Amino acid sequence: MAAGWKRVLLEGDAAELSDDAPPATDGTAAAAGVGPEASRDDHVHALGPLVADLDFASASAVSFVLENQTTANAPDPAAETIGQEYFDTTLDRPRVWVATA
């Protein structure tokens, strides 16, 4: 994957429900589930890097808002940090900076 701004999936952007098991990203077992509800209450995702604690020093991110910028005024690629996000008002969706895999 090349470095650059990538779109963040929003509700409705993802694929339909299926009976296929989701990929395990951290080596643990994943299961598609068989629950009759749309959210499949027994569905299990492997959490990958999010199994570690997120340290907010016991504080909440209250009223958190991404920086609003147009596509033309996106943050400077020369100064980006992996995982940095902004809200692209031209595309009407959040974007995140990724690096070469």
PDB file of N, CA and C in Angstrom:
ATOM      1  N   MET A   1       0.848  -1.167   0.000  1.00  0.00           N
ATOM      2  CA  MET A   1       0.000   0.000   0.000  1.00  0.00           C
ATOM      3  C   MET A   1       0.900   1.238   0.000  1.00  0.00           C
ATOM      4  N   ALA A   2       0.659   2.159  -0.885  1.00  0.00           N
ATOM      5  CA  ALA A   2       1.467   3.365  -0.985  1.00  0.00           C
ATOM      6  C   ALA A   2       1.082   4.364   0.096  1.00  0.00           C
ATOM      7  N   ALA A   3       2.018   5.211   0.465  1.00  0.00           N
ATOM      8  CA  ALA A   3       1.748   6.253   1.453  1.00  0.00           C
ATOM      9  C   ALA A   3       0.749   7.240   0.872  1.00  0.00           C
ATOM     10  N   GLY A   4      -0.075   7.787   1.722  1.00  0.00           N
ATOM     11  CA  GLY A   4      -1.024   8.801   1.274  1.00  0.00           C
ATOM     12  C   GLY A   4      -2.294   8.801   2.083  1.00  0.00           C
ATOM     13  N   TRP A   5      -3.182   9.710   1.741  1.00  0.00           N
ATOM     14  CA  TRP A   5      -4.473   9.818   2.420  1.00  0.00           C
ATOM     15  C   TRP A   5      -5.415   8.754   1.887  1.00  0.00           C
ATOM     16  N   LYS A   6      -6.044   7.992   2.774  1.00  0.00           N
ATOM     17  CA  LYS A   6      -6.995   6.941   2.412  1.00  0.00           C
ATOM     18  C   LYS A   6      -8.355   7.271   3.011  1.00  0.00           C
ATOM     19  N   ARG A   7      -9.412   6.928   2.289  1.00  0.00           N
ATOM     20  CA  ARG A   7     -10.770   7.158   2.778  1.00  0.00           C
ATOM     21  C   ARG A   7     -11.076   6.218   3.932  1.00  0.00           C
ATOM     22  N   VAL A   8     -11.866   6.692   4.884  1.00  0.00           N
ATOM     23  CA  VAL A   8     -12.337   5.875   5.991  1.00  0.00           C
ATOM     24  C   VAL A   8     -13.738   5.371   5.626  1.00  0.00           C
ATOM     25  N   LEU A   9     -14.004   4.085   5.820  1.00  0.00           N
ATOM     26  CA  LEU A   9     -15.325   3.540   5.519  1.00  0.00           C
ATOM     27  C   LEU A   9     -16.366   4.108   6.467  1.00  0.00           C
ATOM     28  N   LEU A  10     -17.507   4.449   5.935  1.00  0.00           N
ATOM     29  CA  LEU A  10     -18.631   4.913   6.728  1.00  0.00           C
ATOM     30  C   LEU A  10     -19.748   3.885   6.651  1.00  0.00           C
ATOM     31  N   GLU A  11     -20.754   4.031   7.496  1.00  0.00           N
ATOM     32  CA  GLU A  11     -21.884   3.124   7.480  1.00  0.00           C
ATOM     33  C   GLU A  11     -22.458   3.054   6.069  1.00  0.00           C
ATOM     34  N   GLY A  12     -22.697   1.854   5.586  1.00  0.00           N
ATOM     35  CA  GLY A  12     -23.220   1.662   4.243  1.00  0.00           C
ATOM     36  C   GLY A  12     -22.134   1.436   3.205  1.00  0.00           C
ATOM     37  N   ASP A  13     -20.869   1.720   3.545  1.00  0.00           N
ATOM     38  CA  ASP A  13     -19.773   1.505   2.602  1.00  0.00           C
ATOM     39  C   ASP A  13     -19.285   0.062   2.603  1.00  0.00           C
ATOM     40  N   ALA A  14     -19.506  -0.663   3.694  1.00  0.00           N
ATOM     41  CA  ALA A  14     -18.972  -2.008   3.847  1.00  0.00           C
ATOM     42  C   ALA A  14     -19.835  -3.033   3.118  1.00  0.00           C
ATOM     43  N   ALA A  15     -19.296  -4.216   2.926  1.00  0.00           N
ATOM     44  CA  ALA A  15     -19.998  -5.294   2.237  1.00  0.00           C
ATOM     45  C   ALA A  15     -21.186  -5.786   3.062  1.00  0.00           C
ATOM     46  N   GLU A  16     -22.054  -6.523   2.402  1.00  0.00           N
ATOM     47  CA  GLU A  16     -23.228  -7.121   3.051  1.00  0.00           C
ATOM     48  C   GLU A  16     -22.794  -8.221   4.018  1.00  0.00           C
ATOM     49  N   LEU A  17     -23.713  -8.601   4.934  1.00  0.00           N
ATOM     50  CA  LEU A  17     -23.460  -9.722   5.840  1.00  0.00           C
ATOM     51  C   LEU A  17     -23.226 -10.995   5.040  1.00  0.00           C
ATOM     52  N   SER A  18     -22.373 -11.861   5.566  1.00  0.00           N
ATOM     53  CA  SER A  18     -22.161 -13.144   4.909  1.00  0.00           C
ATOM     54  C   SER A  18     -21.885 -14.200   5.962  1.00  0.00           C
ATOM     55  N   ASP A  19     -21.872 -15.445   5.549  1.00  0.00           N
ATOM     56  CA  ASP A  19     -21.564 -16.542   6.455  1.00  0.00           C
ATOM     57  C   ASP A  19     -20.073 -16.865   6.467  1.00  0.00           C
ATOM     58  N   ASP A  20     -19.286 -16.105   5.706  1.00  0.00           N
ATOM     59  CA  ASP A  20     -17.844 -16.320   5.686  1.00  0.00           C
ATOM     60  C   ASP A  20     -17.225 -15.829   6.989  1.00  0.00           C
ATOM     61  N   ALA A  21     -16.248 -16.553   7.497  1.00  0.00           N
ATOM     62  CA  ALA A  21     -15.551 -16.126   8.705  1.00  0.00           C
ATOM     63  C   ALA A  21     -14.690 -14.907   8.374  1.00  0.00           C
ATOM     64  N   PRO A  22     -14.715 -13.864   9.216  1.00  0.00           N
ATOM     65  CA  PRO A  22     -13.857 -12.713   8.975  1.00  0.00           C
ATOM     66  C   PRO A  22     -12.398 -13.098   9.159  1.00  0.00           C
ATOM     67  N   PRO A  23     -11.486 -12.416   8.495  1.00  0.00           N
ATOM     68  CA  PRO A  23     -10.071 -12.777   8.650  1.00  0.00           C
ATOM     69  C   PRO A  23      -9.574 -12.471  10.057  1.00  0.00           C
ATOM     70  N   ALA A  24      -8.753 -13.347  10.602  1.00  0.00           N
ATOM     71  CA  ALA A  24      -8.138 -13.111  11.902  1.00  0.00           C
ATOM     72  C   ALA A  24      -6.888 -12.277  11.673  1.00  0.00           C
ATOM     73  N   THR A  25      -6.850 -11.084  12.220  1.00  0.00           N
ATOM     74  CA  THR A  25      -5.719 -10.197  11.977  1.00  0.00           C
ATOM     75  C   THR A  25      -4.647 -10.281  13.049  1.00  0.00           C
ATOM     76  N   ASP A  26      -4.934 -10.936  14.159  1.00  0.00           N
ATOM     77  CA  ASP A  26      -3.935 -11.010  15.221  1.00  0.00           C
ATOM     78  C   ASP A  26      -3.598 -12.442  15.610  1.00  0.00           C
ATOM     79  N   GLY A  27      -3.943 -13.402  14.760  1.00  0.00           N
ATOM     80  CA  GLY A  27      -3.612 -14.792  15.033  1.00  0.00           C
ATOM     81  C   GLY A  27      -4.650 -15.526  15.861  1.00  0.00           C
ATOM     82  N   THR A  28      -5.705 -14.851  16.332  1.00  0.00           N
ATOM     83  CA  THR A  28      -6.748 -15.518  17.095  1.00  0.00           C
ATOM     84  C   THR A  28      -7.839 -16.010  16.156  1.00  0.00           C
ATOM     85  N   ALA A  29      -8.705 -16.864  16.664  1.00  0.00           N
ATOM     86  CA  ALA A  29      -9.793 -17.403  15.848  1.00  0.00           C
ATOM     87  C   ALA A  29     -10.869 -16.343  15.642  1.00  0.00           C
ATOM     88  N   ALA A  30     -11.456 -16.350  14.475  1.00  0.00           N
ATOM     89  CA  ALA A  30     -12.570 -15.468  14.168  1.00  0.00           C
ATOM     90  C   ALA A  30     -13.724 -16.349  13.723  1.00  0.00           C
ATOM     91  N   ALA A  31     -14.961 -15.892  13.923  1.00  0.00           N
ATOM     92  CA  ALA A  31     -16.119 -16.700  13.555  1.00  0.00           C
ATOM     93  C   ALA A  31     -17.196 -15.827  12.951  1.00  0.00           C
ATOM     94  N   ALA A  32     -17.870 -16.337  11.914  1.00  0.00           N
ATOM     95  CA  ALA A  32     -18.916 -15.576  11.250  1.00  0.00           C
ATOM     96  C   ALA A  32     -20.156 -15.437  12.114  1.00  0.00           C
ATOM     97  N   GLY A  33     -20.458 -16.427  12.943  1.00  0.00           N
ATOM     98  CA  GLY A  33     -21.651 -16.389  13.781  1.00  0.00           C
ATOM     99  C   GLY A  33     -22.870 -16.887  13.031  1.00  0.00           C
ATOM    100  N   VAL A  34     -23.915 -17.206  13.782  1.00  0.00           N
ATOM    101  CA  VAL A  34     -25.142 -17.717  13.180  1.00  0.00           C
ATOM    102  C   VAL A  34     -26.374 -17.006  13.718  1.00  0.00           C
ATOM    103  N   GLY A  35     -26.194 -15.950  14.508  1.00  0.00           N
ATOM    104  CA  GLY A  35     -27.320 -15.229  15.097  1.00  0.00           C
ATOM    105  C   GLY A  35     -28.280 -14.723  14.038  1.00  0.00           C
ATOM    106  N   PRO A  36     -29.597 -14.671  14.332  1.00  0.00           N
ATOM    107  CA  PRO A  36     -30.591 -14.245  13.355  1.00  0.00           C
ATOM    108  C   PRO A  36     -30.693 -12.733  13.210  1.00  0.00           C
ATOM    109  N   GLU A  37     -30.090 -11.971  14.111  1.00  0.00           N
ATOM    110  CA  GLU A  37     -30.158 -10.517  14.062  1.00  0.00           C
ATOM    111  C   GLU A  37     -29.189  -9.980  13.021  1.00  0.00           C
ATOM    112  N   ALA A  38     -29.458  -8.784  12.515  1.00  0.00           N
ATOM    113  CA  ALA A  38     -28.596  -8.176  11.493  1.00  0.00           C
ATOM    114  C   ALA A  38     -27.174  -8.005  11.998  1.00  0.00           C
ATOM    115  N   SER A  39     -27.012  -7.710  13.291  1.00  0.00           N
ATOM    116  CA  SER A  39     -25.672  -7.498  13.823  1.00  0.00           C
ATOM    117  C   SER A  39     -24.998  -8.804  14.225  1.00  0.00           C
ATOM    118  N   ARG A  40     -25.739  -9.903  14.140  1.00  0.00           N
ATOM    119  CA  ARG A  40     -25.224 -11.220  14.517  1.00  0.00           C
ATOM    120  C   ARG A  40     -24.527 -11.144  15.870  1.00  0.00           C
ATOM    121  N   ASP A  41     -25.320 -11.214  16.929  1.00  0.00           N
ATOM    122  CA  ASP A  41     -24.823 -11.021  18.283  1.00  0.00           C
ATOM    123  C   ASP A  41     -23.723 -11.988  18.698  1.00  0.00           C
ATOM    124  N   ASP A  42     -23.547 -13.107  17.999  1.00  0.00           N
ATOM    125  CA  ASP A  42     -22.471 -14.034  18.340  1.00  0.00           C
ATOM    126  C   ASP A  42     -21.287 -13.918  17.377  1.00  0.00           C
ATOM    127  N   HIS A  43     -21.326 -12.931  16.509  1.00  0.00           N
ATOM    128  CA  HIS A  43     -20.258 -12.674  15.538  1.00  0.00           C
ATOM    129  C   HIS A  43     -18.983 -12.225  16.279  1.00  0.00           C
ATOM    130  N   VAL A  44     -17.837 -12.752  15.906  1.00  0.00           N
ATOM    131  CA  VAL A  44     -16.583 -12.414  16.589  1.00  0.00           C
ATOM    132  C   VAL A  44     -15.573 -11.907  15.577  1.00  0.00           C
ATOM    133  N   HIS A  45     -14.988 -10.754  15.842  1.00  0.00           N
ATOM    134  CA  HIS A  45     -13.883 -10.231  15.042  1.00  0.00           C
ATOM    135  C   HIS A  45     -12.601 -10.348  15.845  1.00  0.00           C
ATOM    136  N   ALA A  46     -11.533 -10.722  15.188  1.00  0.00           N
ATOM    137  CA  ALA A  46     -10.226 -10.636  15.822  1.00  0.00           C
ATOM    138  C   ALA A  46      -9.859  -9.155  15.849  1.00  0.00           C
ATOM    139  N   LEU A  47      -9.402  -8.661  16.993  1.00  0.00           N
ATOM    140  CA  LEU A  47      -9.229  -7.229  17.153  1.00  0.00           C
ATOM    141  C   LEU A  47      -7.887  -6.681  16.700  1.00  0.00           C
ATOM    142  N   GLY A  48      -6.950  -7.524  16.349  1.00  0.00           N
ATOM    143  CA  GLY A  48      -5.666  -7.033  15.866  1.00  0.00           C
ATOM    144  C   GLY A  48      -4.978  -6.130  16.857  1.00  0.00           C
ATOM    145  N   PRO A  49      -4.464  -4.991  16.398  1.00  0.00           N
ATOM    146  CA  PRO A  49      -3.689  -4.118  17.284  1.00  0.00           C
ATOM    147  C   PRO A  49      -4.526  -3.442  18.365  1.00  0.00           C
ATOM    148  N   LEU A  50      -5.854  -3.490  18.283  1.00  0.00           N
ATOM    149  CA  LEU A  50      -6.675  -2.829  19.288  1.00  0.00           C
ATOM    150  C   LEU A  50      -6.880  -3.649  20.549  1.00  0.00           C
ATOM    151  N   VAL A  51      -6.219  -4.807  20.676  1.00  0.00           N
ATOM    152  CA  VAL A  51      -6.344  -5.577  21.901  1.00  0.00           C
ATOM    153  C   VAL A  51      -5.520  -4.944  23.019  1.00  0.00           C
ATOM    154  N   ALA A  52      -4.615  -4.052  22.683  1.00  0.00           N
ATOM    155  CA  ALA A  52      -3.834  -3.345  23.692  1.00  0.00           C
ATOM    156  C   ALA A  52      -4.650  -2.170  24.234  1.00  0.00           C
ATOM    157  N   ASP A  53      -4.300  -1.721  25.435  1.00  0.00           N
ATOM    158  CA  ASP A  53      -4.996  -0.597  26.040  1.00  0.00           C
ATOM    159  C   ASP A  53      -4.737   0.688  25.276  1.00  0.00           C
ATOM    160  N   LEU A  54      -5.753   1.534  25.194  1.00  0.00           N
ATOM    161  CA  LEU A  54      -5.602   2.882  24.668  1.00  0.00           C
ATOM    162  C   LEU A  54      -5.518   3.795  25.874  1.00  0.00           C
ATOM    163  N   ASP A  55      -4.430   4.501  26.059  1.00  0.00           N
ATOM    164  CA  ASP A  55      -4.217   5.300  27.257  1.00  0.00           C
ATOM    165  C   ASP A  55      -4.646   6.738  27.041  1.00  0.00           C
ATOM    166  N   PHE A  56      -5.808   7.099  27.586  1.00  0.00           N
ATOM    167  CA  PHE A  56      -6.267   8.483  27.582  1.00  0.00           C
ATOM    168  C   PHE A  56      -6.073   9.099  28.966  1.00  0.00           C
ATOM    169  N   ALA A  57      -5.209   8.489  29.784  1.00  0.00           N
ATOM    170  CA  ALA A  57      -4.956   8.969  31.143  1.00  0.00           C
ATOM    171  C   ALA A  57      -6.271   9.108  31.907  1.00  0.00           C
ATOM    172  N   SER A  58      -7.138   8.105  31.761  1.00  0.00           N
ATOM    173  CA  SER A  58      -8.449   8.036  32.420  1.00  0.00           C
ATOM    174  C   SER A  58      -9.405   9.137  31.999  1.00  0.00           C
ATOM    175  N   ALA A  59      -9.138   9.788  30.878  1.00  0.00           N
ATOM    176  CA  ALA A  59     -10.020  10.848  30.393  1.00  0.00           C
ATOM    177  C   ALA A  59     -10.761  10.361  29.155  1.00  0.00           C
ATOM    178  N   SER A  60     -11.917  10.936  28.905  1.00  0.00           N
ATOM    179  CA  SER A  60     -12.702  10.603  27.725  1.00  0.00           C
ATOM    180  C   SER A  60     -12.435  11.603  26.625  1.00  0.00           C
ATOM    181  N   ALA A  61     -12.619  11.173  25.394  1.00  0.00           N
ATOM    182  CA  ALA A  61     -12.542  12.087  24.262  1.00  0.00           C
ATOM    183  C   ALA A  61     -13.962  12.629  24.057  1.00  0.00           C
ATOM    184  N   VAL A  62     -14.300  13.696  24.762  1.00  0.00           N
ATOM    185  CA  VAL A  62     -15.645  14.266  24.739  1.00  0.00           C
ATOM    186  C   VAL A  62     -15.730  15.317  23.643  1.00  0.00           C
ATOM    187  N   SER A  63     -16.792  15.257  22.859  1.00  0.00           N
ATOM    188  CA  SER A  63     -17.020  16.207  21.767  1.00  0.00           C
ATOM    189  C   SER A  63     -15.842  16.259  20.804  1.00  0.00           C
ATOM    190  N   PHE A  64     -15.274  15.096  20.513  1.00  0.00           N
ATOM    191  CA  PHE A  64     -14.131  14.976  19.618  1.00  0.00           C
ATOM    192  C   PHE A  64     -14.556  15.292  18.188  1.00  0.00           C
ATOM    193  N   VAL A  65     -13.828  16.156  17.523  1.00  0.00           N
ATOM    194  CA  VAL A  65     -14.142  16.544  16.142  1.00  0.00           C
ATOM    195  C   VAL A  65     -12.850  16.500  15.330  1.00  0.00           C
ATOM    196  N   LEU A  66     -12.916  15.910  14.142  1.00  0.00           N
ATOM    197  CA  LEU A  66     -11.770  15.915  13.245  1.00  0.00           C
ATOM    198  C   LEU A  66     -11.594  17.295  12.628  1.00  0.00           C
ATOM    199  N   GLU A  67     -10.367  17.619  12.260  1.00  0.00           N
ATOM    200  CA  GLU A  67     -10.084  18.869  11.559  1.00  0.00           C
ATOM    201  C   GLU A  67     -10.780  18.850  10.200  1.00  0.00           C
ATOM    202  N   ASN A  68     -11.493  19.920   9.855  1.00  0.00           N
ATOM    203  CA  ASN A  68     -12.183  20.035   8.567  1.00  0.00           C
ATOM    204  C   ASN A  68     -11.279  20.732   7.557  1.00  0.00           C
ATOM    205  N   GLN A  69     -11.067  20.073   6.409  1.00  0.00           N
ATOM    206  CA  GLN A  69     -10.270  20.647   5.328  1.00  0.00           C
ATOM    207  C   GLN A  69     -10.850  20.189   3.993  1.00  0.00           C
ATOM    208  N   THR A  70     -10.663  20.990   2.951  1.00  0.00           N
ATOM    209  CA  THR A  70     -11.028  20.549   1.610  1.00  0.00           C
ATOM    210  C   THR A  70      -9.924  19.625   1.099  1.00  0.00           C
ATOM    211  N   THR A  71     -10.200  18.881   0.032  1.00  0.00           N
ATOM    212  CA  THR A  71      -9.177  18.009  -0.558  1.00  0.00           C
ATOM    213  C   THR A  71      -7.949  18.823  -0.947  1.00  0.00           C
ATOM    214  N   ALA A  72      -8.163  20.009  -1.507  1.00  0.00           N
ATOM    215  CA  ALA A  72      -7.050  20.861  -1.949  1.00  0.00           C
ATOM    216  C   ALA A  72      -6.218  21.368  -0.778  1.00  0.00           C
ATOM    217  N   ASN A  73      -6.821  21.461   0.402  1.00  0.00           N
ATOM    218  CA  ASN A  73      -6.108  21.975   1.578  1.00  0.00           C
ATOM    219  C   ASN A  73      -5.795  20.888   2.590  1.00  0.00           C
ATOM    220  N   ALA A  74      -5.691  19.636   2.138  1.00  0.00           N
ATOM    221  CA  ALA A  74      -5.362  18.534   3.051  1.00  0.00           C
ATOM    222  C   ALA A  74      -4.053  18.839   3.769  1.00  0.00           C
ATOM    223  N   PRO A  75      -3.879  18.326   4.987  1.00  0.00           N
ATOM    224  CA  PRO A  75      -2.621  18.561   5.696  1.00  0.00           C
ATOM    225  C   PRO A  75      -1.410  18.180   4.844  1.00  0.00           C
ATOM    226  N   ASP A  76      -0.303  18.842   5.073  1.00  0.00           N
ATOM    227  CA  ASP A  76       0.928  18.685   4.294  1.00  0.00           C
ATOM    228  C   ASP A  76       1.477  17.264   4.381  1.00  0.00           C
ATOM    229  N   PRO A  77       1.574  16.546   3.246  1.00  0.00           N
ATOM    230  CA  PRO A  77       2.087  15.172   3.269  1.00  0.00           C
ATOM    231  C   PRO A  77       3.504  15.057   3.816  1.00  0.00           C
ATOM    232  N   ALA A  78       4.297  16.102   3.724  1.00  0.00           N
ATOM    233  CA  ALA A  78       5.680  16.037   4.212  1.00  0.00           C
ATOM    234  C   ALA A  78       5.739  16.002   5.738  1.00  0.00           C
ATOM    235  N   ALA A  79       4.662  16.392   6.398  1.00  0.00           N
ATOM    236  CA  ALA A  79       4.671  16.461   7.859  1.00  0.00           C
ATOM    237  C   ALA A  79       3.688  15.498   8.509  1.00  0.00           C
ATOM    238  N   GLU A  80       3.212  14.497   7.767  1.00  0.00           N
ATOM    239  CA  GLU A  80       2.177  13.609   8.296  1.00  0.00           C
ATOM    240  C   GLU A  80       2.725  12.541   9.220  1.00  0.00           C
ATOM    241  N   THR A  81       1.863  12.066  10.098  1.00  0.00           N
ATOM    242  CA  THR A  81       2.143  10.970  11.016  1.00  0.00           C
ATOM    243  C   THR A  81       1.171   9.846  10.692  1.00  0.00           C
ATOM    244  N   ILE A  82       1.643   8.625  10.660  1.00  0.00           N
ATOM    245  CA  ILE A  82       0.774   7.487  10.380  1.00  0.00           C
ATOM    246  C   ILE A  82      -0.390   7.495  11.352  1.00  0.00           C
ATOM    247  N   GLY A  83      -1.597   7.361  10.825  1.00  0.00           N
ATOM    248  CA  GLY A  83      -2.795   7.352  11.652  1.00  0.00           C
ATOM    249  C   GLY A  83      -3.443   8.710  11.824  1.00  0.00           C
ATOM    250  N   GLN A  84      -2.798   9.768  11.346  1.00  0.00           N
ATOM    251  CA  GLN A  84      -3.392  11.098  11.457  1.00  0.00           C
ATOM    252  C   GLN A  84      -4.658  11.157  10.620  1.00  0.00           C
ATOM    253  N   GLU A  85      -5.689  11.825  11.120  1.00  0.00           N
ATOM    254  CA  GLU A  85      -6.959  11.898  10.410  1.00  0.00           C
ATOM    255  C   GLU A  85      -7.395  13.345  10.213  1.00  0.00           C
ATOM    256  N   TYR A  86      -8.214  13.552   9.206  1.00  0.00           N
ATOM    257  CA  TYR A  86      -8.916  14.823   9.029  1.00  0.00           C
ATOM    258  C   TYR A  86     -10.221  14.536   8.310  1.00  0.00           C
ATOM    259  N   PHE A  87     -11.167  15.468   8.328  1.00  0.00           N
ATOM    260  CA  PHE A  87     -12.435  15.301   7.628  1.00  0.00           C
ATOM    261  C   PHE A  87     -12.365  16.082   6.333  1.00  0.00           C
ATOM    262  N   ASP A  88     -12.467  15.366   5.199  1.00  0.00           N
ATOM    263  CA  ASP A  88     -12.389  15.979   3.877  1.00  0.00           C
ATOM    264  C   ASP A  88     -13.776  16.512   3.514  1.00  0.00           C
ATOM    265  N   THR A  89     -13.930  17.840   3.531  1.00  0.00           N
ATOM    266  CA  THR A  89     -15.233  18.446   3.256  1.00  0.00           C
ATOM    267  C   THR A  89     -15.595  18.381   1.770  1.00  0.00           C
ATOM    268  N   THR A  90     -14.605  18.185   0.881  1.00  0.00           N
ATOM    269  CA  THR A  90     -14.887  18.021  -0.543  1.00  0.00           C
ATOM    270  C   THR A  90     -15.536  16.664  -0.798  1.00  0.00           C
ATOM    271  N   LEU A  91     -14.986  15.604  -0.189  1.00  0.00           N
ATOM    272  CA  LEU A  91     -15.495  14.248  -0.363  1.00  0.00           C
ATOM    273  C   LEU A  91     -16.570  13.901   0.664  1.00  0.00           C
ATOM    274  N   ASP A  92     -16.737  14.740   1.677  1.00  0.00           N
ATOM    275  CA  ASP A  92     -17.696  14.535   2.759  1.00  0.00           C
ATOM    276  C   ASP A  92     -17.456  13.216   3.489  1.00  0.00           C
ATOM    277  N   ARG A  93     -16.160  12.964   3.839  1.00  0.00           N
ATOM    278  CA  ARG A  93     -15.816  11.765   4.587  1.00  0.00           C
ATOM    279  C   ARG A  93     -14.453  11.925   5.243  1.00  0.00           C
ATOM    280  N   PRO A  94     -14.223  11.181   6.333  1.00  0.00           N
ATOM    281  CA  PRO A  94     -12.912  11.237   6.987  1.00  0.00           C
ATOM    282  C   PRO A  94     -11.849  10.541   6.148  1.00  0.00           C
ATOM    283  N   ARG A  95     -10.601  10.992   6.321  1.00  0.00           N
ATOM    284  CA  ARG A  95      -9.456  10.358   5.645  1.00  0.00           C
ATOM    285  C   ARG A  95      -8.354  10.154   6.672  1.00  0.00           C
ATOM    286  N   VAL A  96      -7.550   9.131   6.446  1.00  0.00           N
ATOM    287  CA  VAL A  96      -6.461   8.802   7.375  1.00  0.00           C
ATOM    288  C   VAL A  96      -5.166   8.646   6.588  1.00  0.00           C
ATOM    289  N   TRP A  97      -4.042   9.063   7.181  1.00  0.00           N
ATOM    290  CA  TRP A  97      -2.727   8.951   6.532  1.00  0.00           C
ATOM    291  C   TRP A  97      -2.150   7.577   6.808  1.00  0.00           C
ATOM    292  N   VAL A  98      -1.735   6.870   5.750  1.00  0.00           N
ATOM    293  CA  VAL A  98      -1.102   5.563   5.878  1.00  0.00           C
ATOM    294  C   VAL A  98       0.270   5.610   5.224  1.00  0.00           C
ATOM    295  N   ALA A  99       1.113   4.672   5.590  1.00  0.00           N
ATOM    296  CA  ALA A  99       2.467   4.608   5.023  1.00  0.00           C
ATOM    297  C   ALA A  99       2.593   3.371   4.149  1.00  0.00           C
ATOM    298  N   THR A 100       3.704   3.222   3.482  1.00  0.00           N
ATOM    299  CA  THR A 100       3.966   2.065   2.647  1.00  0.00           C
ATOM    300  C   THR A 100       4.051   0.819   3.516  1.00  0.00           C
ATOM    301  N   ALA A 101       3.348  -0.231   3.117  1.00  0.00           N
ATOM    302  CA  ALA A 101       3.344  -1.475   3.894  1.00  0.00           C
ATOM    303  C   ALA A 101       4.659  -2.196   3.716  1.00  0.00           C
TER     304      ALA A 101
END
